Amino acid sequence: MSGHRPCVQFSAGTLVLSNAPADWIQRVFGAAAPWKWDQRANLWRCNAIDYLDIREQLLQNEKQVENHVRHWSRVQWPAVSLPELRAEQRSAVNAWMTLRRGVIVMPTGTGKTEVALAMMGQSPVSTLIVAPVRDLMYQWHRRILLGLGYDAGIIGDSVYNVRPVSVTTYDSACIHMERLGNQFGMLVFDECHHLPGTMRREAALMSAAPWRVGLSATPERSDGRHADLEKLIGPTVYRLELAAVRGKTLAEYEVIRIPVHLGDAEQRRYDELSLQIRAYMQARREVDKYFTWEDLCADYASEPAARQIIKAYREKQSIEDRAAEKLRVLEDLFRLHVGSPIIVFAGSNAMARDVSRRFLIPCLLSHCGKRERLEILTGLQSGQYPALVANQVLDEGVDLPAVKIAVVIGGRASTKQAKQRLGRVLRKSGNARAFMYEVVCSETTEAGRSRQRRTSDAFVGTRFIRRV
């Protein structure tokens, strides 16, 4: 390597350019060059993600510049055995292949994983798949082995086995990307709506991979950061609406809303807490008219009164989540659908345990081990368990047995979460119709959130009943 020619290298999640005067930077890369002078190291530096933008200039000036960034390689797939893609899946693959960058938006159950595997099959380059949780990481490992015959490396869950094709989690990717950022030419971000978070975006910023895929059924975020996906992954190149596959690729379904009421004691306590919270917020806004709930949360560590209000808010949530009437309605639904497997989505670990104890069904929570989760899901599929209850852990991504009935008795209640939960029962199985029951506490904030959800196309035509 020459000591006089400009040289570009990967360094701890960034690109560094040495032996390059400022006028040369201007001439080669133009005014929009991403390089910033690092005075401590006496060289130019930029994020590794900028490699795609500067690669063209590097190729045009390859006789002048030494490029030591790329450490990825071609991959030979041992045994490709992928299913034939449906028309919409082929359209998604073709749309991505044009740029080899971009986000694919498809409803849960329409085969986003098959789409990504097909892209990988046509792009034989070192690839890193990034999943939100360990279960999905191992699920990707199994799917790659079955579909492409490749035993992928695993990076996460106390394992660090890096291979040309590897699977990891968002958290592990953030930790290790400063070392791995130039070893993969392609990134696949599963459930990519997680990526724009303050820390998780580093997994994209610290990688030089020019080819990028984002997969999601619900890419939109309440904080608006989904707009950053275009920079982190690429534009949305394909979007499949639920209405286009309802009753075709996905099962026909019905959403049924069942309102319930808090008991007298529950309602009194709920109203007391609501009054306490409103009074505190009003008093604070008399002093500072711009005082927000975010400001209250910021005061949690230093202000005893703020801590008391946060505790009151959490107790309100607990009353909604654990309303006694929800358990009685759930019992009616179990009787109505006896003999059919059911997934119950709770809003808290406490309510999930309440349901598990009351009806003697397995409880699947985020801290359950891999073996326990597999045993529970296998038991549901075989009929050993008539139902299971979960809190968030089954909301997205994890392959589930063919279940056509979901009962939602609580949750964060965002449209995103609701659509993800609906997607858990929409995988087509013959002509079986799917049902999603929403059990909602009337005269609480839960009812308002339910109304907001019904603005989504997935919940058009929601039916209301008082009792089953």
Protein backbone atom coordinates (compact mmCIF):
# COMPACT_ATOMS: atom_id res chain seq x y z
CA MET A 1 0.00 0.00 0.00
CA SER A 2 1.46 3.35 -1.08
CA GLY A 3 2.15 5.94 1.56
CA HIS A 4 1.45 8.82 -0.86
CA ARG A 5 -1.76 7.96 -2.70
CA PRO A 6 -5.12 8.77 -1.05
CA CYS A 7 -6.37 5.69 0.78
CA VAL A 8 -9.93 4.84 1.92
CA GLN A 9 -10.39 2.30 4.71
CA PHE A 10 -13.06 1.06 7.10
CA SER A 11 -12.44 2.04 10.71
CA ALA A 12 -14.77 1.29 13.66
CA GLY A 13 -18.02 1.90 11.82
CA THR A 14 -16.71 4.80 9.74
CA LEU A 15 -14.73 5.34 6.56
CA VAL A 16 -11.41 7.18 6.81
CA LEU A 17 -9.54 8.85 3.97
CA SER A 18 -5.86 9.61 4.40
CA ASN A 19 -3.24 11.37 2.24
CA ALA A 20 -5.91 13.59 0.68
CA PRO A 21 -5.64 17.42 0.61
CA ALA A 22 -8.85 19.46 0.79
CA ASP A 23 -8.64 20.66 -2.82
CA TRP A 24 -8.38 17.02 -3.99
CA ILE A 25 -11.51 16.15 -1.95
CA GLN A 26 -13.36 19.02 -3.62
CA ARG A 27 -12.22 18.02 -7.11
CA VAL A 28 -13.02 14.30 -6.78
CA PHE A 29 -16.12 14.24 -4.58
CA GLY A 30 -17.62 17.68 -5.21
CA ALA A 31 -19.28 20.12 -2.84
CA ALA A 32 -21.63 17.45 -1.40
CA ALA A 33 -18.75 15.26 -0.19
CA PRO A 34 -19.64 13.58 3.14
CA TRP A 35 -16.07 13.80 4.45
CA LYS A 36 -15.35 15.73 7.66
CA TRP A 37 -11.87 16.51 8.89
CA ASP A 38 -10.94 14.55 12.04
CA GLN A 39 -8.32 16.71 13.71
CA ARG A 40 -7.47 14.10 16.33
CA ALA A 41 -6.54 11.45 13.76
CA ASN A 42 -5.35 13.88 11.08
CA LEU A 43 -7.53 12.39 8.32
CA TRP A 44 -10.97 12.64 6.72
CA ARG A 45 -13.89 10.64 8.13
CA CYS A 46 -17.53 9.86 7.29
CA ASN A 47 -20.18 7.31 8.26
CA ALA A 48 -19.74 3.88 6.69
CA ILE A 49 -23.24 4.14 5.19
CA ASP A 50 -21.89 6.85 2.86
CA TYR A 51 -19.83 4.25 1.00
CA LEU A 52 -22.55 3.87 -1.64
CA ASP A 53 -22.42 7.60 -2.42
CA ILE A 54 -18.63 7.77 -2.68
CA ARG A 55 -18.11 4.39 -4.38
CA GLU A 56 -18.74 5.80 -7.87
CA GLN A 57 -16.07 8.45 -7.40
CA LEU A 58 -13.69 5.81 -6.07
CA LEU A 59 -14.27 3.64 -9.16
CA GLN A 60 -13.73 6.57 -11.50
CA ASN A 61 -10.48 7.47 -9.74
CA GLU A 62 -9.28 3.96 -8.91
CA LYS A 63 -5.80 4.69 -10.30
CA GLN A 64 -5.44 7.58 -7.88
CA VAL A 65 -7.11 6.12 -4.81
CA GLU A 66 -6.49 2.94 -2.83
CA ASN A 67 -9.82 1.41 -1.75
CA HIS A 68 -9.50 -1.05 1.14
CA VAL A 69 -13.10 -0.82 2.39
CA ARG A 70 -14.74 -3.90 0.90
CA HIS A 71 -14.13 -7.18 2.74
CA TRP A 72 -17.26 -9.04 1.63
CA SER A 73 -17.26 -11.83 -0.94
CA ARG A 74 -19.47 -13.86 -3.23
CA VAL A 75 -21.43 -16.73 -1.68
CA GLN A 76 -22.22 -20.13 -3.15
CA TRP A 77 -25.64 -21.40 -2.05
CA PRO A 78 -25.26 -25.17 -1.43
CA ALA A 79 -28.84 -26.21 -2.24
CA VAL A 80 -31.48 -23.69 -3.29
CA SER A 81 -34.95 -25.03 -2.52
CA LEU A 82 -37.28 -22.05 -2.49
CA PRO A 83 -41.03 -22.23 -3.16
CA GLU A 84 -42.39 -20.69 -6.35
CA LEU A 85 -43.25 -17.09 -5.66
CA ARG A 86 -46.76 -15.73 -6.04
CA ALA A 87 -47.35 -12.81 -8.38
CA GLU A 88 -47.18 -10.16 -5.68
CA GLN A 89 -44.00 -11.69 -4.26
CA ARG A 90 -42.35 -11.63 -7.70
CA SER A 91 -43.36 -8.00 -8.06
CA ALA A 92 -41.68 -7.20 -4.74
CA VAL A 93 -38.47 -8.97 -5.76
CA ASN A 94 -38.38 -7.26 -9.17
CA ALA A 95 -39.01 -3.84 -7.63
CA TRP A 96 -36.10 -4.28 -5.24
CA MET A 97 -33.72 -5.72 -7.83
CA THR A 98 -33.88 -2.46 -9.82
CA LEU A 99 -32.00 -0.52 -7.11
CA ARG A 100 -30.95 -3.35 -4.80
CA ARG A 101 -31.97 -0.99 -2.02
CA GLY A 102 -35.32 -0.28 -0.48
CA VAL A 103 -38.18 -1.18 1.84
CA ILE A 104 -40.77 -3.88 1.08
CA VAL A 105 -44.14 -3.32 2.80
CA MET A 106 -46.38 -6.39 2.84
CA PRO A 107 -49.06 -7.52 5.32
CA THR A 108 -48.19 -10.20 7.86
CA GLY A 109 -48.69 -13.64 6.36
CA THR A 110 -47.97 -12.70 2.73
CA GLY A 111 -44.46 -14.16 2.73
CA LYS A 112 -41.94 -11.37 3.27
CA THR A 113 -39.35 -13.95 4.35
CA GLU A 114 -39.74 -15.86 1.06
CA VAL A 115 -39.30 -12.58 -0.80
CA ALA A 116 -36.06 -11.83 1.06
CA LEU A 117 -34.73 -15.36 0.53
CA ALA A 118 -35.43 -15.02 -3.20
CA MET A 119 -33.51 -11.74 -3.24
CA MET A 120 -30.62 -13.40 -1.43
CA GLY A 121 -30.71 -16.29 -3.90
CA GLN A 122 -30.33 -13.81 -6.75
CA SER A 123 -27.70 -11.74 -4.93
CA PRO A 124 -24.98 -14.20 -3.89
CA VAL A 125 -22.96 -11.89 -1.67
CA SER A 126 -22.03 -11.89 2.02
CA THR A 127 -25.29 -11.04 3.80
CA LEU A 128 -26.27 -10.10 7.35
CA ILE A 129 -29.89 -10.55 8.44
CA VAL A 130 -30.93 -8.35 11.37
CA ALA A 131 -34.02 -9.35 13.38
CA PRO A 132 -35.65 -7.64 16.39
CA VAL A 133 -35.54 -10.59 18.82
CA ARG A 134 -33.65 -13.83 19.38
CA ASP A 135 -36.59 -16.03 18.35
CA LEU A 136 -36.69 -14.36 14.96
CA MET A 137 -32.92 -14.62 14.64
CA TYR A 138 -33.09 -18.41 15.07
CA GLN A 139 -36.14 -18.57 12.80
CA TRP A 140 -34.16 -16.85 10.04
CA HIS A 141 -31.32 -19.31 10.61
CA ARG A 142 -33.71 -22.23 10.06
CA ARG A 143 -35.27 -20.65 6.97
CA ILE A 144 -31.87 -19.98 5.34
CA LEU A 145 -30.82 -23.57 6.00
CA LEU A 146 -34.05 -24.96 4.52
CA GLY A 147 -34.31 -22.56 1.58
CA LEU A 148 -30.69 -22.01 0.55
CA GLY A 149 -28.93 -24.96 2.18
CA TYR A 150 -26.60 -22.60 4.05
CA ASP A 151 -25.73 -22.95 7.75
CA ALA A 152 -25.62 -19.26 8.64
CA GLY A 153 -23.51 -17.80 11.41
CA ILE A 154 -25.14 -16.52 14.58
CA ILE A 155 -24.20 -13.24 16.26
CA GLY A 156 -26.14 -12.80 19.50
CA ASP A 157 -27.59 -14.71 22.44
CA SER A 158 -24.04 -15.13 23.82
CA VAL A 159 -22.86 -16.57 20.46
CA TYR A 160 -20.35 -14.91 18.15
CA ASN A 161 -20.01 -17.10 15.08
CA VAL A 162 -19.45 -14.89 12.04
CA ARG A 163 -19.86 -16.49 8.62
CA PRO A 164 -20.26 -14.91 5.15
CA VAL A 165 -24.02 -15.21 5.73
CA SER A 166 -25.00 -14.53 9.33
CA VAL A 167 -28.06 -13.67 11.42
CA THR A 168 -28.19 -11.31 14.37
CA THR A 169 -30.47 -9.04 16.40
CA TYR A 170 -30.69 -5.25 16.26
CA ASP A 171 -29.03 -4.95 19.66
CA SER A 172 -26.14 -7.25 18.73
CA ALA A 173 -25.73 -5.51 15.37
CA CYS A 174 -25.29 -2.17 17.14
CA ILE A 175 -22.67 -3.68 19.44
CA HIS A 176 -20.64 -5.49 16.76
CA MET A 177 -21.10 -3.42 13.60
CA GLU A 178 -17.95 -1.40 14.28
CA ARG A 179 -16.10 -4.66 13.53
CA LEU A 180 -18.48 -6.15 10.97
CA GLY A 181 -19.44 -3.09 8.96
CA ASN A 182 -17.28 -3.92 5.94
CA GLN A 183 -17.75 -7.71 5.95
CA PHE A 184 -21.24 -7.82 4.40
CA GLY A 185 -22.31 -6.48 1.03
CA MET A 186 -26.02 -6.91 1.78
CA LEU A 187 -28.14 -6.18 4.84
CA VAL A 188 -31.66 -7.48 5.48
CA PHE A 189 -33.53 -5.60 8.21
CA ASP A 190 -36.54 -7.63 9.31
CA GLU A 191 -39.35 -5.62 10.96
CA CYS A 192 -37.39 -2.57 9.84
CA HIS A 193 -39.65 -0.11 11.66
CA HIS A 194 -37.39 -0.83 14.65
CA LEU A 195 -34.33 0.54 12.85
CA PRO A 196 -34.85 4.33 13.11
CA GLY A 197 -34.61 4.26 16.91
CA THR A 198 -31.92 6.42 18.48
CA MET A 199 -29.51 3.54 19.08
CA ARG A 200 -30.60 0.89 16.58
CA ARG A 201 -30.00 3.15 13.58
CA GLU A 202 -26.29 2.73 14.29
CA ALA A 203 -26.56 -0.77 12.82
CA ALA A 204 -27.24 0.86 9.44
CA LEU A 205 -24.98 3.89 9.80
CA MET A 206 -21.89 1.82 10.67
CA SER A 207 -22.21 -0.56 7.71
CA ALA A 208 -20.74 0.00 4.26
CA ALA A 209 -23.10 -2.55 2.64
CA PRO A 210 -24.40 -1.07 -0.64
CA TRP A 211 -27.32 -3.53 -0.97
CA ARG A 212 -30.06 -3.16 1.66
CA VAL A 213 -33.51 -4.63 2.21
CA GLY A 214 -36.11 -3.54 4.74
CA LEU A 215 -39.13 -5.73 5.53
CA SER A 216 -42.20 -4.58 7.44
CA ALA A 217 -45.97 -4.88 7.53
CA THR A 218 -46.26 -1.60 9.42
CA PRO A 219 -43.28 0.72 8.73
CA GLU A 220 -44.93 3.90 10.04
CA ARG A 221 -43.84 5.13 13.47
CA SER A 222 -45.66 7.49 15.81
CA ASP A 223 -42.50 9.63 16.18
CA GLY A 224 -42.26 10.16 12.41
CA ARG A 225 -38.82 8.58 12.19
CA HIS A 226 -39.95 6.14 9.52
CA ALA A 227 -38.94 8.94 7.15
CA ASP A 228 -35.33 8.06 8.03
CA LEU A 229 -35.70 4.61 6.46
CA GLU A 230 -34.97 6.11 3.03
CA LYS A 231 -31.51 7.17 4.21
CA LEU A 232 -30.86 4.07 6.31
CA ILE A 233 -32.15 1.46 3.81
CA GLY A 234 -33.62 3.09 0.73
CA PRO A 235 -37.02 4.20 -0.59
CA THR A 236 -40.19 2.15 -0.31
CA VAL A 237 -39.96 0.17 -3.54
CA TYR A 238 -43.02 -2.04 -3.08
CA ARG A 239 -46.20 -1.78 -1.00
CA LEU A 240 -48.95 -4.39 -0.89
CA GLU A 241 -52.22 -3.32 0.71
CA LEU A 242 -54.18 -5.71 2.90
CA ALA A 243 -57.33 -5.24 0.82
CA ALA A 244 -55.53 -6.64 -2.25
CA VAL A 245 -54.91 -10.03 -0.62
CA ARG A 246 -57.80 -10.32 1.82
CA GLY A 247 -59.67 -13.54 1.08
CA LYS A 248 -57.00 -14.56 -1.47
CA THR A 249 -53.46 -14.93 -0.15
CA LEU A 250 -54.76 -14.16 3.34
CA ALA A 251 -57.83 -15.52 5.04
CA GLU A 252 -61.09 -13.63 5.00
CA TYR A 253 -61.59 -12.19 8.48
CA GLU A 254 -63.88 -10.30 10.78
CA VAL A 255 -63.02 -7.89 13.60
CA ILE A 256 -65.53 -7.88 16.45
CA ARG A 257 -65.42 -5.27 19.21
CA ILE A 258 -66.88 -6.21 22.58
CA PRO A 259 -67.23 -3.31 25.01
CA VAL A 260 -67.09 -4.07 28.73
CA HIS A 261 -67.49 -1.90 31.80
CA LEU A 262 -65.34 -1.51 34.85
CA GLY A 263 -66.85 -2.69 38.11
CA ASP A 264 -68.08 -0.05 40.54
CA ALA A 265 -64.93 -0.15 42.67
CA GLU A 266 -62.69 -0.21 39.59
CA GLN A 267 -64.51 2.77 38.06
CA ARG A 268 -64.32 4.84 41.26
CA ARG A 269 -60.59 4.27 41.57
CA TYR A 270 -60.10 4.94 37.86
CA ASP A 271 -61.95 8.26 38.13
CA GLU A 272 -59.98 9.25 41.25
CA LEU A 273 -56.68 8.63 39.46
CA SER A 274 -57.83 10.49 36.35
CA LEU A 275 -58.81 13.51 38.47
CA GLN A 276 -55.47 13.41 40.28
CA ILE A 277 -53.51 13.37 37.01
CA ARG A 278 -55.59 16.14 35.41
CA ALA A 279 -55.28 18.37 38.47
CA TYR A 280 -51.50 18.00 38.53
CA MET A 281 -51.10 18.73 34.82
CA GLN A 282 -53.40 21.75 35.06
CA ALA A 283 -51.44 23.14 38.01
CA ARG A 284 -48.14 22.73 36.17
CA ARG A 285 -49.52 24.41 33.04
CA GLU A 286 -50.65 27.41 35.06
CA VAL A 287 -46.95 27.98 35.75
CA ASP A 288 -45.66 26.79 32.36
CA LYS A 289 -48.28 26.67 29.62
CA TYR A 290 -45.99 24.52 27.46
CA PHE A 291 -45.61 21.79 30.09
CA THR A 292 -46.11 18.37 28.45
CA TRP A 293 -46.34 14.74 29.45
CA GLU A 294 -42.76 14.33 28.22
CA ASP A 295 -41.68 17.04 30.68
CA LEU A 296 -43.47 15.14 33.46
CA CYS A 297 -41.56 11.97 32.58
CA ALA A 298 -38.30 13.94 32.58
CA ASP A 299 -39.07 15.09 36.15
CA TYR A 300 -39.63 11.51 37.34
CA ALA A 301 -36.16 11.07 38.86
CA SER A 302 -36.02 14.41 40.69
CA GLU A 303 -39.61 15.32 41.61
CA PRO A 304 -41.54 13.18 44.14
CA ALA A 305 -44.84 14.69 42.95
CA ALA A 306 -44.04 13.71 39.35
CA ARG A 307 -43.25 10.17 40.50
CA GLN A 308 -46.61 10.01 42.24
CA ILE A 309 -48.43 11.06 39.07
CA ILE A 310 -46.57 8.49 36.97
CA LYS A 311 -47.53 5.83 39.52
CA ALA A 312 -51.15 6.97 39.27
CA TYR A 313 -51.00 6.73 35.48
CA ARG A 314 -49.60 3.20 35.65
CA GLU A 315 -52.31 2.19 38.09
CA LYS A 316 -54.90 3.52 35.64
CA GLN A 317 -53.38 1.38 32.92
CA SER A 318 -53.43 -1.62 35.23
CA ILE A 319 -57.15 -1.14 35.93
CA GLU A 320 -57.87 -1.10 32.18
CA ASP A 321 -55.61 -4.07 31.49
CA ARG A 322 -56.90 -6.24 34.35
CA ALA A 323 -60.61 -5.39 34.38
CA ALA A 324 -62.51 -8.32 35.89
CA GLU A 325 -65.19 -8.18 33.19
CA LYS A 326 -62.58 -8.97 30.53
CA LEU A 327 -62.00 -12.37 32.11
CA ARG A 328 -65.72 -13.13 32.07
CA VAL A 329 -65.98 -12.22 28.37
CA LEU A 330 -62.88 -14.30 27.65
CA GLU A 331 -64.56 -17.29 29.30
CA ASP A 332 -67.58 -16.82 27.00
CA LEU A 333 -65.32 -16.70 23.92
CA PHE A 334 -63.52 -19.89 24.95
CA ARG A 335 -66.91 -21.61 25.19
CA LEU A 336 -68.02 -20.22 21.83
CA HIS A 337 -64.91 -21.48 20.04
CA VAL A 338 -64.30 -24.69 21.94
CA GLY A 339 -62.13 -27.03 19.91
CA SER A 340 -60.42 -24.22 17.96
CA PRO A 341 -56.95 -22.98 18.98
CA ILE A 342 -56.97 -19.42 20.32
CA ILE A 343 -54.30 -16.81 20.97
CA VAL A 344 -55.04 -14.26 23.70
CA PHE A 345 -53.08 -10.99 23.57
CA ALA A 346 -52.83 -9.30 26.96
CA GLY A 347 -51.70 -5.76 27.75
CA SER A 348 -49.33 -6.61 30.57
CA ASN A 349 -47.43 -9.50 32.07
CA ALA A 350 -49.68 -9.31 35.12
CA MET A 351 -52.85 -9.78 33.06
CA ALA A 352 -51.24 -12.56 31.03
CA ARG A 353 -50.53 -14.41 34.28
CA ASP A 354 -54.09 -13.74 35.48
CA VAL A 355 -55.46 -15.37 32.32
CA SER A 356 -53.01 -18.25 32.55
CA ARG A 357 -53.98 -19.05 36.15
CA ARG A 358 -57.71 -18.58 35.60
CA PHE A 359 -57.96 -20.82 32.50
CA LEU A 360 -54.91 -23.07 33.00
CA ILE A 361 -53.34 -22.23 29.64
CA PRO A 362 -49.65 -21.52 28.88
CA CYS A 363 -48.34 -17.99 29.35
CA LEU A 364 -45.75 -16.81 26.82
CA LEU A 365 -43.74 -13.77 27.94
CA SER A 366 -40.58 -12.10 26.65
CA HIS A 367 -38.33 -13.75 29.24
CA CYS A 368 -39.45 -17.29 28.37
CA GLY A 369 -36.57 -19.39 27.06
CA LYS A 370 -36.27 -20.63 23.49
CA ARG A 371 -37.08 -24.24 24.43
CA GLU A 372 -40.14 -23.23 26.47
CA ARG A 373 -41.52 -21.10 23.62
CA LEU A 374 -41.06 -23.91 21.13
CA GLU A 375 -42.78 -26.37 23.46
CA ILE A 376 -45.75 -24.04 23.94
CA LEU A 377 -46.19 -23.32 20.22
CA THR A 378 -45.82 -26.99 19.34
CA GLY A 379 -48.41 -27.84 22.01
CA LEU A 380 -50.85 -25.33 20.54
CA GLN A 381 -50.34 -26.78 17.06
CA SER A 382 -50.83 -30.38 18.21
CA GLY A 383 -53.91 -29.59 20.24
CA GLN A 384 -52.24 -30.32 23.56
CA TYR A 385 -53.03 -26.74 24.56
CA PRO A 386 -56.41 -25.28 23.52
CA ALA A 387 -55.09 -21.72 23.80
CA LEU A 388 -52.19 -19.60 24.94
CA VAL A 389 -51.85 -16.09 26.30
CA ALA A 390 -49.01 -13.71 25.40
CA ASN A 391 -47.93 -10.13 26.01
CA GLN A 392 -46.19 -8.54 22.99
CA VAL A 393 -43.83 -11.48 22.38
CA LEU A 394 -46.02 -12.79 19.51
CA ASP A 395 -46.91 -9.39 18.09
CA GLU A 396 -44.60 -9.62 15.10
CA GLY A 397 -42.55 -11.94 12.98
CA VAL A 398 -42.59 -15.27 14.84
CA ASP A 399 -44.05 -18.13 12.79
CA LEU A 400 -47.16 -19.46 14.49
CA PRO A 401 -49.33 -22.54 14.05
CA ALA A 402 -52.48 -22.14 11.95
CA VAL A 403 -54.67 -20.21 14.39
CA LYS A 404 -57.82 -18.45 13.23
CA ILE A 405 -59.01 -16.82 16.45
CA ALA A 406 -57.33 -14.01 18.35
CA VAL A 407 -58.69 -12.23 21.40
CA VAL A 408 -57.14 -8.88 22.32
CA ILE A 409 -57.80 -7.90 25.92
CA GLY A 410 -55.19 -5.15 26.21
CA GLY A 411 -52.03 -3.64 24.81
CA ARG A 412 -50.37 -0.44 23.78
CA ALA A 413 -53.29 -0.15 21.38
CA SER A 414 -51.40 1.49 18.54
CA THR A 415 -52.67 0.79 15.04
CA LYS A 416 -49.29 -0.82 14.32
CA GLN A 417 -49.62 -3.29 17.18
CA ALA A 418 -53.25 -4.03 16.35
CA LYS A 419 -52.45 -4.80 12.69
CA GLN A 420 -49.55 -7.01 13.74
CA ARG A 421 -51.80 -8.95 16.09
CA LEU A 422 -54.46 -9.27 13.41
CA GLY A 423 -51.82 -10.66 11.07
CA ARG A 424 -51.14 -13.52 13.49
CA VAL A 425 -54.46 -15.18 12.45
CA LEU A 426 -54.60 -14.28 8.75
CA ARG A 427 -52.46 -17.03 7.26
CA LYS A 428 -54.73 -18.81 4.84
CA SER A 429 -55.79 -22.37 5.74
CA GLY A 430 -58.37 -23.67 3.31
CA ASN A 431 -61.45 -21.46 3.41
CA ALA A 432 -61.43 -20.99 7.18
CA ARG A 433 -62.50 -17.54 8.28
CA ALA A 434 -60.43 -15.67 10.87
CA PHE A 435 -61.84 -13.76 13.84
CA MET A 436 -60.23 -11.07 15.95
CA TYR A 437 -62.10 -10.02 19.08
CA GLU A 438 -61.27 -6.73 20.77
CA VAL A 439 -62.42 -6.58 24.37
CA VAL A 440 -62.38 -2.88 25.30
CA CYS A 441 -63.23 -1.04 28.51
CA SER A 442 -65.88 1.60 27.85
CA GLU A 443 -65.52 5.09 29.35
CA THR A 444 -61.74 4.76 29.54
CA THR A 445 -58.88 5.93 27.36
CA GLU A 446 -58.77 2.37 25.98
CA ALA A 447 -62.07 3.05 24.18
CA GLY A 448 -60.60 6.15 22.52
CA ARG A 449 -57.58 4.22 21.33
CA SER A 450 -59.89 1.56 19.89
CA ARG A 451 -61.73 4.24 17.89
CA GLN A 452 -58.40 5.48 16.55
CA ARG A 453 -57.46 1.99 15.39
CA ARG A 454 -60.64 1.77 13.33
CA THR A 455 -59.34 4.53 11.04
CA SER A 456 -57.00 1.90 9.57
CA ASP A 457 -58.13 0.05 6.44
CA ALA A 458 -57.53 -3.24 8.26
CA PHE A 459 -60.37 -2.48 10.70
CA VAL A 460 -63.00 -1.15 8.28
CA GLY A 461 -66.28 -2.90 8.95
CA THR A 462 -65.58 -3.72 12.61
CA ARG A 463 -68.70 -5.31 14.14
CA PHE A 464 -69.92 -4.42 17.62
CA ILE A 465 -71.63 -6.77 20.03
CA ARG A 466 -72.58 -6.47 23.67
CA ARG A 467 -72.22 -10.08 24.68
CA VAL A 468 -71.37 -13.33 22.96
